[in-house]
Amino acid sequence: MPAEILIIEDNPLNMELARDLLESRGYRVREAVTALEGIQAIRANQPDLVLMDIQLPGMDGLTATRILREDENLKDLIIIALTAHAMKGDEQKVMEAGCNGYMSKPIDTRLFHAMIARFLQGKQVG
């Protein structure tokens, strides 16, 4: 069974690009446009990987990641931060919040699939 990936992204164009890239490789994709919606979706049905936008309306992606990491059942959830403002120190903030890694936006379509595959490698999918 293909891996299920939840995209938490409020920008429709970024959402569409990520969805199209993932679906082109056969991944099952779910979507959320706010951190709260994403947290609820994860708790209802845990995906194999989460792409978490950092700049979300209301609660930001790092706060949402910290909340998810407090849940013992979600400690192994793979969370990749999506950040439009990759600045010095951002990687440290992202990792301290509990993300497994990060990608800067705009998404580099040449590197995207390899990065997703690398994070899913070794994870029991299905």
N, C-alpha and C. Protein backbone atom coordinates (compact mmCIF):
# COMPACT_ATOMS: atom_id res chain seq x y z
N MET A 1 0.86 -1.19 0.00
CA MET A 1 0.00 0.00 0.00
C MET A 1 0.89 1.24 0.00
N PRO A 2 0.57 2.24 -0.83
CA PRO A 2 1.42 3.44 -0.87
C PRO A 2 1.35 4.23 0.44
N ALA A 3 2.41 4.95 0.71
CA ALA A 3 2.47 5.77 1.92
C ALA A 3 1.42 6.87 1.84
N GLU A 4 0.90 7.22 3.02
CA GLU A 4 -0.06 8.31 3.11
C GLU A 4 0.64 9.54 3.68
N ILE A 5 0.49 10.65 2.99
CA ILE A 5 1.15 11.89 3.39
C ILE A 5 0.10 12.97 3.60
N LEU A 6 0.20 13.62 4.75
CA LEU A 6 -0.69 14.74 5.07
C LEU A 6 0.08 16.03 4.82
N ILE A 7 -0.50 16.90 4.01
CA ILE A 7 0.08 18.22 3.75
C ILE A 7 -0.71 19.24 4.56
N ILE A 8 -0.01 19.98 5.41
CA ILE A 8 -0.65 21.06 6.16
C ILE A 8 -0.09 22.36 5.61
N GLU A 9 -0.89 23.03 4.79
CA GLU A 9 -0.42 24.19 4.02
C GLU A 9 -1.60 25.10 3.72
N ASP A 10 -1.45 26.39 4.00
CA ASP A 10 -2.57 27.33 3.77
C ASP A 10 -2.52 28.01 2.41
N ASN A 11 -1.41 27.90 1.70
CA ASN A 11 -1.30 28.53 0.38
C ASN A 11 -1.78 27.53 -0.68
N PRO A 12 -2.85 27.88 -1.40
CA PRO A 12 -3.42 26.93 -2.38
C PRO A 12 -2.44 26.49 -3.47
N LEU A 13 -1.57 27.38 -3.92
CA LEU A 13 -0.62 27.01 -4.97
C LEU A 13 0.43 26.04 -4.44
N ASN A 14 0.94 26.29 -3.23
CA ASN A 14 1.90 25.37 -2.62
C ASN A 14 1.26 24.01 -2.36
N MET A 15 0.01 24.03 -1.91
CA MET A 15 -0.73 22.78 -1.66
C MET A 15 -0.87 21.99 -2.96
N GLU A 16 -1.26 22.68 -4.02
CA GLU A 16 -1.47 22.01 -5.30
C GLU A 16 -0.17 21.40 -5.83
N LEU A 17 0.91 22.14 -5.74
CA LEU A 17 2.19 21.63 -6.22
C LEU A 17 2.62 20.39 -5.44
N ALA A 18 2.57 20.47 -4.11
CA ALA A 18 2.97 19.33 -3.28
C ALA A 18 2.07 18.12 -3.55
N ARG A 19 0.76 18.37 -3.63
CA ARG A 19 -0.19 17.28 -3.91
C ARG A 19 0.10 16.63 -5.26
N ASP A 20 0.28 17.45 -6.29
CA ASP A 20 0.55 16.92 -7.63
C ASP A 20 1.85 16.11 -7.67
N LEU A 21 2.89 16.62 -7.03
CA LEU A 21 4.16 15.91 -6.99
C LEU A 21 4.02 14.56 -6.29
N LEU A 22 3.33 14.55 -5.16
CA LEU A 22 3.16 13.31 -4.39
C LEU A 22 2.28 12.31 -5.13
N GLU A 23 1.16 12.79 -5.66
CA GLU A 23 0.25 11.88 -6.36
C GLU A 23 0.89 11.31 -7.62
N SER A 24 1.80 12.06 -8.24
CA SER A 24 2.47 11.56 -9.45
C SER A 24 3.35 10.36 -9.13
N ARG A 25 3.73 10.20 -7.88
CA ARG A 25 4.53 9.06 -7.45
C ARG A 25 3.71 7.99 -6.73
N GLY A 26 2.39 8.18 -6.74
CA GLY A 26 1.51 7.16 -6.19
C GLY A 26 1.21 7.26 -4.70
N TYR A 27 1.66 8.33 -4.05
CA TYR A 27 1.35 8.49 -2.63
C TYR A 27 -0.12 8.84 -2.46
N ARG A 28 -0.68 8.42 -1.35
CA ARG A 28 -2.03 8.86 -0.97
C ARG A 28 -1.86 10.18 -0.23
N VAL A 29 -2.64 11.18 -0.60
CA VAL A 29 -2.46 12.52 -0.05
C VAL A 29 -3.73 12.97 0.67
N ARG A 30 -3.53 13.51 1.87
CA ARG A 30 -4.60 14.20 2.60
C ARG A 30 -4.15 15.63 2.81
N GLU A 31 -5.11 16.52 3.02
CA GLU A 31 -4.79 17.93 3.13
C GLU A 31 -5.46 18.58 4.33
N ALA A 32 -4.76 19.57 4.90
CA ALA A 32 -5.32 20.41 5.94
C ALA A 32 -4.77 21.82 5.70
N VAL A 33 -5.58 22.83 6.00
CA VAL A 33 -5.14 24.20 5.74
C VAL A 33 -4.80 24.98 7.01
N THR A 34 -5.09 24.41 8.18
CA THR A 34 -4.68 25.04 9.44
C THR A 34 -4.00 24.00 10.31
N ALA A 35 -3.23 24.48 11.28
CA ALA A 35 -2.53 23.58 12.20
C ALA A 35 -3.53 22.73 12.99
N LEU A 36 -4.60 23.36 13.46
CA LEU A 36 -5.59 22.64 14.25
C LEU A 36 -6.26 21.54 13.42
N GLU A 37 -6.61 21.86 12.19
CA GLU A 37 -7.20 20.87 11.29
C GLU A 37 -6.21 19.72 11.07
N GLY A 38 -4.94 20.06 10.93
CA GLY A 38 -3.91 19.06 10.73
C GLY A 38 -3.75 18.14 11.94
N ILE A 39 -3.72 18.73 13.13
CA ILE A 39 -3.61 17.94 14.37
C ILE A 39 -4.79 16.98 14.48
N GLN A 40 -5.99 17.48 14.20
CA GLN A 40 -7.18 16.62 14.28
C GLN A 40 -7.10 15.49 13.26
N ALA A 41 -6.64 15.79 12.04
CA ALA A 41 -6.52 14.77 11.00
C ALA A 41 -5.50 13.70 11.39
N ILE A 42 -4.40 14.13 12.00
CA ILE A 42 -3.35 13.19 12.42
C ILE A 42 -3.86 12.29 13.53
N ARG A 43 -4.56 12.87 14.49
CA ARG A 43 -5.07 12.06 15.61
C ARG A 43 -6.16 11.10 15.15
N ALA A 44 -6.94 11.48 14.15
CA ALA A 44 -8.01 10.63 13.64
C ALA A 44 -7.46 9.47 12.83
N ASN A 45 -6.40 9.71 12.07
CA ASN A 45 -5.84 8.68 11.20
C ASN A 45 -4.39 9.06 10.90
N GLN A 46 -3.46 8.47 11.64
CA GLN A 46 -2.06 8.86 11.54
C GLN A 46 -1.47 8.55 10.16
N PRO A 47 -0.95 9.58 9.48
CA PRO A 47 -0.31 9.35 8.18
C PRO A 47 1.11 8.80 8.37
N ASP A 48 1.75 8.46 7.27
CA ASP A 48 3.13 7.99 7.33
C ASP A 48 4.11 9.15 7.44
N LEU A 49 3.70 10.32 6.91
CA LEU A 49 4.57 11.48 6.90
C LEU A 49 3.70 12.73 6.84
N VAL A 50 4.18 13.81 7.47
CA VAL A 50 3.48 15.10 7.45
C VAL A 50 4.41 16.16 6.87
N LEU A 51 3.90 16.91 5.90
CA LEU A 51 4.58 18.11 5.43
C LEU A 51 3.89 19.28 6.12
N MET A 52 4.62 19.95 7.01
CA MET A 52 4.04 20.97 7.88
C MET A 52 4.55 22.36 7.52
N ASP A 53 3.66 23.19 7.00
CA ASP A 53 4.02 24.59 6.75
C ASP A 53 4.28 25.24 8.10
N ILE A 54 5.29 26.09 8.17
CA ILE A 54 5.61 26.77 9.42
C ILE A 54 4.74 28.00 9.62
N GLN A 55 4.52 28.77 8.56
CA GLN A 55 3.72 30.00 8.63
C GLN A 55 2.27 29.68 8.34
N LEU A 56 1.53 29.28 9.36
CA LEU A 56 0.11 28.98 9.21
C LEU A 56 -0.72 30.03 9.93
N PRO A 57 -1.94 30.27 9.48
CA PRO A 57 -2.80 31.23 10.20
C PRO A 57 -3.18 30.66 11.57
N GLY A 58 -3.26 31.52 12.56
CA GLY A 58 -3.58 31.05 13.91
C GLY A 58 -2.35 30.40 14.52
N MET A 59 -2.43 29.13 14.80
CA MET A 59 -1.31 28.40 15.37
C MET A 59 -0.28 28.10 14.28
N ASP A 60 1.00 28.38 14.57
CA ASP A 60 2.02 28.10 13.55
C ASP A 60 2.43 26.62 13.58
N GLY A 61 3.16 26.23 12.54
CA GLY A 61 3.52 24.82 12.38
C GLY A 61 4.45 24.29 13.46
N LEU A 62 5.33 25.15 14.00
CA LEU A 62 6.23 24.67 15.05
C LEU A 62 5.47 24.40 16.35
N THR A 63 4.50 25.25 16.65
CA THR A 63 3.66 25.02 17.84
C THR A 63 2.87 23.72 17.66
N ALA A 64 2.32 23.53 16.47
CA ALA A 64 1.57 22.30 16.19
C ALA A 64 2.47 21.07 16.34
N THR A 65 3.71 21.18 15.86
CA THR A 65 4.65 20.06 15.97
C THR A 65 4.93 19.75 17.44
N ARG A 66 5.13 20.77 18.25
CA ARG A 66 5.39 20.55 19.68
C ARG A 66 4.20 19.84 20.34
N ILE A 67 3.00 20.25 19.98
CA ILE A 67 1.79 19.61 20.53
C ILE A 67 1.74 18.14 20.13
N LEU A 68 2.03 17.86 18.87
CA LEU A 68 2.02 16.47 18.39
C LEU A 68 3.08 15.64 19.10
N ARG A 69 4.24 16.21 19.35
CA ARG A 69 5.33 15.48 20.01
C ARG A 69 5.04 15.16 21.47
N GLU A 70 4.09 15.88 22.07
CA GLU A 70 3.70 15.58 23.45
C GLU A 70 2.86 14.31 23.55
N ASP A 71 2.32 13.86 22.43
CA ASP A 71 1.47 12.67 22.37
C ASP A 71 2.36 11.44 22.17
N GLU A 72 2.38 10.57 23.15
CA GLU A 72 3.22 9.37 23.12
C GLU A 72 2.96 8.52 21.86
N ASN A 73 1.72 8.49 21.39
CA ASN A 73 1.37 7.70 20.21
C ASN A 73 1.92 8.27 18.91
N LEU A 74 2.38 9.52 18.95
CA LEU A 74 2.84 10.18 17.73
C LEU A 74 4.35 10.43 17.73
N LYS A 75 5.06 9.82 18.67
CA LYS A 75 6.49 10.10 18.80
C LYS A 75 7.30 9.68 17.57
N ASP A 76 6.80 8.70 16.81
CA ASP A 76 7.52 8.23 15.63
C ASP A 76 7.01 8.86 14.33
N LEU A 77 6.04 9.75 14.43
CA LEU A 77 5.50 10.41 13.25
C LEU A 77 6.58 11.25 12.58
N ILE A 78 6.73 11.11 11.27
CA ILE A 78 7.72 11.87 10.51
C ILE A 78 7.10 13.20 10.13
N ILE A 79 7.71 14.29 10.59
CA ILE A 79 7.22 15.64 10.29
C ILE A 79 8.34 16.41 9.60
N ILE A 80 8.05 16.88 8.40
CA ILE A 80 8.99 17.70 7.65
C ILE A 80 8.41 19.11 7.57
N ALA A 81 9.18 20.07 8.07
CA ALA A 81 8.74 21.47 8.03
C ALA A 81 8.92 22.04 6.62
N LEU A 82 7.95 22.84 6.21
CA LEU A 82 8.06 23.59 4.96
C LEU A 82 8.20 25.05 5.34
N THR A 83 9.30 25.66 4.97
CA THR A 83 9.51 27.04 5.37
C THR A 83 9.90 27.91 4.18
N ALA A 84 9.22 29.03 4.05
CA ALA A 84 9.50 29.96 2.96
C ALA A 84 10.68 30.86 3.32
N HIS A 85 10.99 30.93 4.59
CA HIS A 85 12.04 31.85 5.05
C HIS A 85 13.17 31.05 5.68
N ALA A 86 13.94 30.35 4.85
CA ALA A 86 15.05 29.56 5.38
C ALA A 86 16.19 30.52 5.72
N MET A 87 16.26 30.88 6.99
CA MET A 87 17.29 31.80 7.45
C MET A 87 18.17 31.08 8.46
N LYS A 88 19.31 31.65 8.70
CA LYS A 88 20.24 31.07 9.67
C LYS A 88 19.53 30.89 11.00
N GLY A 89 19.62 29.73 11.57
CA GLY A 89 18.97 29.46 12.84
C GLY A 89 17.62 28.78 12.67
N ASP A 90 17.02 28.85 11.48
CA ASP A 90 15.72 28.22 11.26
C ASP A 90 15.79 26.71 11.42
N GLU A 91 16.85 26.11 10.88
CA GLU A 91 16.96 24.65 10.98
C GLU A 91 16.98 24.22 12.44
N GLN A 92 17.71 24.96 13.26
CA GLN A 92 17.78 24.63 14.69
C GLN A 92 16.40 24.76 15.34
N LYS A 93 15.67 25.83 15.02
CA LYS A 93 14.31 26.02 15.59
C LYS A 93 13.39 24.88 15.17
N VAL A 94 13.47 24.50 13.90
CA VAL A 94 12.63 23.44 13.36
C VAL A 94 12.94 22.11 14.06
N MET A 95 14.22 21.81 14.23
CA MET A 95 14.61 20.55 14.87
C MET A 95 14.26 20.56 16.36
N GLU A 96 14.44 21.69 17.02
CA GLU A 96 14.10 21.80 18.44
C GLU A 96 12.60 21.60 18.67
N ALA A 97 11.79 22.01 17.70
CA ALA A 97 10.34 21.85 17.83
C ALA A 97 9.93 20.38 17.68
N GLY A 98 10.83 19.57 17.10
CA GLY A 98 10.53 18.14 16.96
C GLY A 98 10.36 17.67 15.53
N CYS A 99 10.65 18.53 14.56
CA CYS A 99 10.57 18.11 13.16
C CYS A 99 11.74 17.18 12.84
N ASN A 100 11.53 16.30 11.88
CA ASN A 100 12.58 15.38 11.45
C ASN A 100 13.50 16.01 10.40
N GLY A 101 13.04 17.09 9.80
CA GLY A 101 13.83 17.78 8.78
C GLY A 101 13.02 18.93 8.23
N TYR A 102 13.59 19.60 7.23
CA TYR A 102 12.83 20.70 6.63
C TYR A 102 13.17 20.87 5.17
N MET A 103 12.24 21.47 4.45
CA MET A 103 12.41 21.83 3.05
C MET A 103 12.07 23.31 2.94
N SER A 104 12.84 24.01 2.12
CA SER A 104 12.50 25.40 1.91
C SER A 104 11.56 25.52 0.72
N LYS A 105 10.73 26.56 0.78
CA LYS A 105 9.83 26.86 -0.33
C LYS A 105 10.38 28.06 -1.07
N PRO A 106 10.20 28.17 -2.36
CA PRO A 106 9.40 27.23 -3.16
C PRO A 106 10.06 25.85 -3.22
N ILE A 107 9.23 24.84 -3.32
CA ILE A 107 9.69 23.46 -3.34
C ILE A 107 10.58 23.24 -4.57
N ASP A 108 11.74 22.64 -4.33
CA ASP A 108 12.63 22.28 -5.43
C ASP A 108 12.17 20.92 -5.95
N THR A 109 11.49 20.95 -7.08
CA THR A 109 10.88 19.72 -7.61
C THR A 109 11.93 18.66 -7.96
N ARG A 110 13.16 19.07 -8.20
CA ARG A 110 14.22 18.11 -8.54
C ARG A 110 14.66 17.31 -7.32
N LEU A 111 14.54 17.89 -6.14
CA LEU A 111 15.00 17.23 -4.91
C LEU A 111 13.86 16.65 -4.07
N PHE A 112 12.65 17.08 -4.36
CA PHE A 112 11.48 16.76 -3.53
C PHE A 112 11.28 15.26 -3.33
N HIS A 113 11.22 14.50 -4.43
CA HIS A 113 10.91 13.07 -4.31
C HIS A 113 12.00 12.30 -3.56
N ALA A 114 13.24 12.66 -3.81
CA ALA A 114 14.34 11.98 -3.11
C ALA A 114 14.27 12.24 -1.61
N MET A 115 13.90 13.46 -1.24
CA MET A 115 13.82 13.78 0.18
C MET A 115 12.66 13.03 0.84
N ILE A 116 11.52 12.99 0.19
CA ILE A 116 10.37 12.25 0.74
C ILE A 116 10.74 10.77 0.88
N ALA A 117 11.34 10.20 -0.15
CA ALA A 117 11.72 8.78 -0.12
C ALA A 117 12.72 8.51 1.00
N ARG A 118 13.66 9.43 1.19
CA ARG A 118 14.66 9.24 2.25
C ARG A 118 14.01 9.21 3.63
N PHE A 119 13.05 10.08 3.86
CA PHE A 119 12.39 10.10 5.17
C PHE A 119 11.52 8.87 5.39
N LEU A 120 10.91 8.37 4.31
CA LEU A 120 10.03 7.20 4.44
C LEU A 120 10.83 5.90 4.48
N GLN A 121 12.06 5.92 4.05
CA GLN A 121 12.89 4.71 4.01
C GLN A 121 13.02 4.11 5.40
N GLY A 122 12.78 2.84 5.48
CA GLY A 122 12.90 2.17 6.77
C GLY A 122 11.64 2.23 7.61
N LYS A 123 10.70 3.09 7.23
CA LYS A 123 9.43 3.15 7.97
C LYS A 123 8.50 2.09 7.40
N GLN A 124 7.89 1.36 8.28
CA GLN A 124 6.91 0.34 7.85
C GLN A 124 5.67 1.07 7.36
N VAL A 125 5.41 1.02 6.08
CA VAL A 125 4.29 1.75 5.48
C VAL A 125 3.12 0.82 5.26
N GLY A 126 1.92 1.32 5.55
CA GLY A 126 0.71 0.54 5.26
C GLY A 126 -0.10 0.24 6.45
